[in-house]
N, C-alpha and C. Protein backbone atom coordinates (compact mmCIF):
# COMPACT_ATOMS: atom_id res chain seq x y z
N MET A 1 0.83 -1.17 0.00
CA MET A 1 0.00 0.00 0.00
C MET A 1 0.88 1.24 0.00
N ASP A 2 0.43 2.18 -0.78
CA ASP A 2 1.15 3.46 -0.84
C ASP A 2 0.44 4.46 0.08
N TYR A 3 1.19 4.92 1.00
CA TYR A 3 0.66 5.97 1.88
C TYR A 3 1.18 7.32 1.40
N GLN A 4 0.29 8.26 1.33
CA GLN A 4 0.71 9.59 0.92
C GLN A 4 1.35 10.29 2.11
N LYS A 5 2.41 10.93 1.81
CA LYS A 5 3.09 11.66 2.86
C LYS A 5 2.33 12.97 3.12
N ARG A 6 1.88 13.15 4.35
CA ARG A 6 1.13 14.34 4.70
C ARG A 6 2.06 15.38 5.29
N GLU A 7 1.83 16.58 4.86
CA GLU A 7 2.61 17.68 5.40
C GLU A 7 1.81 18.34 6.50
N THR A 8 2.49 18.65 7.56
CA THR A 8 1.80 19.34 8.65
C THR A 8 2.09 20.83 8.54
N LEU A 9 1.10 21.58 8.85
CA LEU A 9 1.21 23.01 8.80
C LEU A 9 1.20 23.53 10.23
N THR A 10 2.27 24.17 10.59
CA THR A 10 2.34 24.74 11.94
C THR A 10 2.22 26.25 11.82
N VAL A 11 1.32 26.77 12.60
CA VAL A 11 1.09 28.21 12.60
C VAL A 11 1.26 28.68 14.03
N GLY A 12 2.12 29.63 14.20
CA GLY A 12 2.35 30.16 15.54
C GLY A 12 1.34 31.25 15.89
N PHE A 13 1.09 31.38 17.17
CA PHE A 13 0.15 32.40 17.64
C PHE A 13 0.65 33.80 17.30
N SER A 14 1.95 34.02 17.42
CA SER A 14 2.48 35.35 17.18
C SER A 14 2.30 35.77 15.72
N SER A 15 2.47 34.84 14.79
CA SER A 15 2.28 35.20 13.39
C SER A 15 0.82 35.54 13.09
N LEU A 16 -0.12 34.79 13.70
CA LEU A 16 -1.53 35.11 13.52
C LEU A 16 -1.87 36.45 14.15
N PHE A 17 -1.30 36.74 15.31
CA PHE A 17 -1.59 37.98 15.99
C PHE A 17 -1.09 39.17 15.18
N PHE A 18 0.14 39.10 14.67
CA PHE A 18 0.69 40.23 13.94
C PHE A 18 0.00 40.44 12.60
N GLU A 19 -0.47 39.36 11.97
CA GLU A 19 -1.18 39.51 10.71
C GLU A 19 -2.57 40.11 10.90
N ASN A 20 -3.17 39.83 12.03
CA ASN A 20 -4.53 40.29 12.28
C ASN A 20 -4.59 41.38 13.35
N ALA A 21 -3.51 42.05 13.61
CA ALA A 21 -3.46 43.04 14.69
C ALA A 21 -4.42 44.20 14.44
N ARG A 22 -4.50 44.68 13.22
CA ARG A 22 -5.39 45.80 12.91
C ARG A 22 -6.85 45.41 13.14
N TYR A 23 -7.21 44.22 12.69
CA TYR A 23 -8.58 43.75 12.90
C TYR A 23 -8.88 43.59 14.38
N LEU A 24 -7.94 43.02 15.12
CA LEU A 24 -8.15 42.82 16.55
C LEU A 24 -8.30 44.14 17.29
N ARG A 25 -7.51 45.14 16.93
CA ARG A 25 -7.60 46.44 17.60
C ARG A 25 -8.95 47.09 17.35
N LYS A 26 -9.42 47.06 16.10
CA LYS A 26 -10.65 47.76 15.76
C LYS A 26 -11.91 47.02 16.20
N LYS A 27 -11.95 45.72 16.03
CA LYS A 27 -13.18 44.97 16.24
C LYS A 27 -13.26 44.26 17.58
N VAL A 28 -12.14 44.01 18.23
CA VAL A 28 -12.18 43.23 19.46
C VAL A 28 -11.83 44.08 20.67
N PHE A 29 -10.68 44.74 20.67
CA PHE A 29 -10.22 45.41 21.87
C PHE A 29 -10.90 46.77 22.10
N LYS A 30 -11.07 47.57 21.06
CA LYS A 30 -11.64 48.91 21.22
C LYS A 30 -13.04 48.90 21.83
N PRO A 31 -13.96 48.09 21.34
CA PRO A 31 -15.30 48.12 21.95
C PRO A 31 -15.29 47.71 23.41
N TYR A 32 -14.44 46.76 23.80
CA TYR A 32 -14.42 46.32 25.18
C TYR A 32 -13.75 47.34 26.09
N VAL A 33 -12.77 48.05 25.61
CA VAL A 33 -12.14 49.10 26.41
C VAL A 33 -13.14 50.22 26.63
N ARG A 34 -13.84 50.63 25.59
CA ARG A 34 -14.87 51.67 25.72
C ARG A 34 -15.97 51.21 26.66
N TRP A 35 -16.40 49.96 26.51
CA TRP A 35 -17.44 49.40 27.36
C TRP A 35 -17.01 49.40 28.83
N PHE A 36 -15.77 49.01 29.09
CA PHE A 36 -15.25 48.98 30.46
C PHE A 36 -15.20 50.38 31.06
N CYS A 37 -14.75 51.36 30.29
CA CYS A 37 -14.68 52.74 30.79
C CYS A 37 -16.07 53.29 31.09
N ILE A 38 -17.03 53.01 30.23
CA ILE A 38 -18.39 53.49 30.45
C ILE A 38 -19.01 52.80 31.66
N LYS A 39 -18.72 51.52 31.86
CA LYS A 39 -19.23 50.82 33.05
C LYS A 39 -18.63 51.40 34.33
N CYS A 40 -17.36 51.79 34.29
CA CYS A 40 -16.74 52.42 35.46
C CYS A 40 -17.40 53.75 35.78
N ILE A 41 -17.71 54.53 34.75
CA ILE A 41 -18.39 55.81 34.96
C ILE A 41 -19.79 55.58 35.50
N ARG A 42 -20.50 54.59 34.97
CA ARG A 42 -21.84 54.28 35.46
C ARG A 42 -21.80 53.87 36.94
N PHE A 43 -20.81 53.07 37.32
CA PHE A 43 -20.65 52.67 38.71
C PHE A 43 -20.42 53.91 39.58
N TYR A 44 -19.57 54.81 39.11
CA TYR A 44 -19.32 56.05 39.86
C TYR A 44 -20.60 56.87 40.00
N GLN A 45 -21.38 56.99 38.92
CA GLN A 45 -22.59 57.80 38.96
C GLN A 45 -23.62 57.22 39.93
N LYS A 46 -23.76 55.90 39.95
CA LYS A 46 -24.80 55.29 40.78
C LYS A 46 -24.38 55.11 42.23
N ARG A 47 -23.10 54.83 42.49
CA ARG A 47 -22.68 54.46 43.85
C ARG A 47 -21.90 55.55 44.60
N LEU A 48 -21.08 56.32 43.91
CA LEU A 48 -20.15 57.21 44.60
C LEU A 48 -20.47 58.69 44.45
N SER A 49 -21.17 59.07 43.41
CA SER A 49 -21.37 60.48 43.10
C SER A 49 -22.32 61.14 44.10
N LYS A 50 -22.01 62.40 44.42
CA LYS A 50 -22.88 63.19 45.29
C LYS A 50 -23.77 64.14 44.50
N LYS A 51 -23.59 64.17 43.18
CA LYS A 51 -24.39 65.00 42.27
C LYS A 51 -24.32 66.49 42.63
N THR A 52 -23.12 66.99 42.83
CA THR A 52 -22.95 68.40 43.18
C THR A 52 -22.09 69.13 42.15
N CYS A 53 -22.10 68.70 40.92
CA CYS A 53 -21.28 69.35 39.89
C CYS A 53 -21.89 70.70 39.51
N LEU A 54 -21.03 71.68 39.25
CA LEU A 54 -21.49 73.02 38.89
C LEU A 54 -21.92 73.11 37.44
N TYR A 55 -21.44 72.18 36.62
CA TYR A 55 -21.73 72.23 35.19
C TYR A 55 -22.91 71.34 34.85
N TYR A 56 -23.53 71.65 33.71
CA TYR A 56 -24.53 70.77 33.14
C TYR A 56 -24.11 70.44 31.71
N PRO A 57 -23.99 69.23 31.29
CA PRO A 57 -24.13 67.98 32.02
C PRO A 57 -22.99 67.80 33.03
N THR A 58 -23.19 66.90 33.96
CA THR A 58 -22.17 66.68 34.99
C THR A 58 -20.87 66.20 34.36
N CYS A 59 -19.81 66.25 35.12
CA CYS A 59 -18.49 65.89 34.58
C CYS A 59 -18.45 64.42 34.13
N SER A 60 -19.10 63.54 34.89
CA SER A 60 -19.10 62.13 34.49
C SER A 60 -19.91 61.91 33.22
N GLN A 61 -21.05 62.60 33.09
CA GLN A 61 -21.84 62.48 31.87
C GLN A 61 -21.10 63.08 30.67
N TYR A 62 -20.41 64.18 30.89
CA TYR A 62 -19.59 64.81 29.86
C TYR A 62 -18.51 63.84 29.36
N THR A 63 -17.84 63.18 30.31
CA THR A 63 -16.79 62.23 29.93
C THR A 63 -17.38 61.06 29.16
N MET A 64 -18.54 60.58 29.58
CA MET A 64 -19.16 59.47 28.88
C MET A 64 -19.56 59.87 27.46
N GLU A 65 -20.07 61.06 27.28
CA GLU A 65 -20.41 61.54 25.93
C GLU A 65 -19.15 61.68 25.08
N CYS A 66 -18.05 62.12 25.68
CA CYS A 66 -16.78 62.22 24.93
C CYS A 66 -16.29 60.84 24.51
N PHE A 67 -16.48 59.82 25.37
CA PHE A 67 -16.12 58.46 24.98
C PHE A 67 -16.94 58.02 23.78
N HIS A 68 -18.21 58.35 23.75
CA HIS A 68 -19.06 57.95 22.62
C HIS A 68 -18.67 58.69 21.34
N HIS A 69 -18.38 59.98 21.44
CA HIS A 69 -18.12 60.78 20.25
C HIS A 69 -16.68 60.65 19.74
N HIS A 70 -15.71 60.59 20.64
CA HIS A 70 -14.31 60.70 20.25
C HIS A 70 -13.47 59.45 20.50
N GLY A 71 -13.98 58.45 21.18
CA GLY A 71 -13.19 57.28 21.50
C GLY A 71 -12.59 57.41 22.89
N VAL A 72 -11.87 56.38 23.30
CA VAL A 72 -11.40 56.31 24.67
C VAL A 72 -10.27 57.30 24.95
N THR A 73 -9.29 57.37 24.08
CA THR A 73 -8.12 58.20 24.36
C THR A 73 -8.47 59.68 24.42
N LEU A 74 -9.07 60.20 23.36
CA LEU A 74 -9.42 61.61 23.34
C LEU A 74 -10.54 61.92 24.32
N GLY A 75 -11.46 60.99 24.50
CA GLY A 75 -12.53 61.17 25.48
C GLY A 75 -11.99 61.27 26.89
N PHE A 76 -10.99 60.46 27.20
CA PHE A 76 -10.36 60.53 28.53
C PHE A 76 -9.67 61.87 28.73
N LEU A 77 -8.97 62.35 27.71
CA LEU A 77 -8.28 63.64 27.83
C LEU A 77 -9.28 64.79 27.98
N LEU A 78 -10.36 64.77 27.20
CA LEU A 78 -11.38 65.82 27.33
C LEU A 78 -12.06 65.77 28.69
N GLY A 79 -12.33 64.57 29.18
CA GLY A 79 -12.94 64.43 30.50
C GLY A 79 -12.01 64.90 31.61
N ALA A 80 -10.72 64.61 31.49
CA ALA A 80 -9.75 65.07 32.50
C ALA A 80 -9.65 66.59 32.49
N TRP A 81 -9.68 67.19 31.30
CA TRP A 81 -9.63 68.65 31.21
C TRP A 81 -10.87 69.27 31.84
N ARG A 82 -12.01 68.64 31.65
CA ARG A 82 -13.24 69.14 32.27
C ARG A 82 -13.18 69.03 33.80
N ILE A 83 -12.65 67.93 34.32
CA ILE A 83 -12.53 67.76 35.77
C ILE A 83 -11.57 68.78 36.36
N ILE A 84 -10.51 69.11 35.63
CA ILE A 84 -9.58 70.13 36.10
C ILE A 84 -10.28 71.50 36.15
N ARG A 85 -11.12 71.79 35.17
CA ARG A 85 -11.84 73.07 35.15
C ARG A 85 -12.94 73.16 36.19
N CYS A 86 -13.45 72.02 36.65
CA CYS A 86 -14.55 71.99 37.61
C CYS A 86 -13.98 72.15 39.02
N ASN A 87 -14.05 73.36 39.54
CA ASN A 87 -13.56 73.65 40.89
C ASN A 87 -14.49 74.67 41.53
N PRO A 88 -14.35 74.93 42.82
CA PRO A 88 -15.27 75.86 43.49
C PRO A 88 -15.21 77.29 42.96
N PHE A 89 -14.13 77.67 42.27
CA PHE A 89 -14.00 79.04 41.78
C PHE A 89 -14.52 79.22 40.36
N SER A 90 -14.97 78.15 39.72
CA SER A 90 -15.47 78.27 38.35
C SER A 90 -16.93 78.72 38.36
N LYS A 91 -17.37 79.27 37.24
CA LYS A 91 -18.74 79.78 37.15
C LYS A 91 -19.75 78.65 36.98
N GLY A 92 -19.34 77.58 36.31
CA GLY A 92 -20.28 76.50 36.03
C GLY A 92 -21.15 76.84 34.85
N GLY A 93 -22.31 76.21 34.76
CA GLY A 93 -23.25 76.50 33.68
C GLY A 93 -23.32 75.38 32.66
N TYR A 94 -23.84 75.71 31.49
CA TYR A 94 -24.02 74.73 30.41
C TYR A 94 -22.74 74.62 29.61
N ASP A 95 -22.20 73.41 29.54
CA ASP A 95 -20.97 73.14 28.79
C ASP A 95 -21.09 71.77 28.15
N PRO A 96 -21.61 71.68 26.92
CA PRO A 96 -21.82 70.37 26.30
C PRO A 96 -20.51 69.76 25.80
N ALA A 97 -20.53 68.47 25.60
CA ALA A 97 -19.37 67.76 25.05
C ALA A 97 -19.21 68.17 23.59
N PRO A 98 -17.97 68.40 23.15
CA PRO A 98 -17.76 68.81 21.75
C PRO A 98 -18.06 67.66 20.79
N LEU A 99 -18.65 68.01 19.67
CA LEU A 99 -18.92 67.01 18.64
C LEU A 99 -17.66 66.79 17.82
N PRO A 100 -17.52 65.63 17.18
CA PRO A 100 -16.34 65.38 16.36
C PRO A 100 -16.25 66.36 15.19
N TYR A 101 -15.06 66.81 14.90
CA TYR A 101 -14.87 67.79 13.83
C TYR A 101 -15.00 67.17 12.44
N LEU A 102 -14.57 65.94 12.29
CA LEU A 102 -14.56 65.32 10.97
C LEU A 102 -15.69 64.31 10.79
N LYS A 103 -16.78 64.51 11.49
CA LYS A 103 -17.90 63.60 11.36
C LYS A 103 -18.64 63.85 10.05
N LYS A 104 -18.93 62.78 9.34
CA LYS A 104 -19.63 62.92 8.07
C LYS A 104 -21.12 63.10 8.33
N LYS A 105 -21.69 64.04 7.66
CA LYS A 105 -23.13 64.29 7.76
C LYS A 105 -23.79 63.72 6.49
N TRP A 106 -24.72 62.84 6.68
CA TRP A 106 -25.41 62.26 5.55
C TRP A 106 -26.72 62.98 5.33
N LEU A 107 -26.91 63.47 4.14
CA LEU A 107 -28.14 64.17 3.80
C LEU A 107 -28.98 63.27 2.92
N LEU A 108 -30.25 63.19 3.25
CA LEU A 108 -31.16 62.36 2.46
C LEU A 108 -31.98 63.22 1.53
């Protein structure tokens, strides 16, 4: 009997990871990082917050809106800047989260 010689294909995890790194960053890691950050803010709002912010929307809501509009990195920076501005000497008032500058508007 003639047996065919079978070739085995070995694929390393690192080669698969580096080939699919862009896909993994966009589709797998980014949504979960954003989800985790928003869950942390929700926990803060429900359990720890005293609801005494001078601004409307509150600093935590502002940060959460920045996460939705700008992503985690820029949203975190915008939220940190807002928290720095929120102090007893500030005027407070209405200060909405900035909308993305390069957002495409679809007209029907």
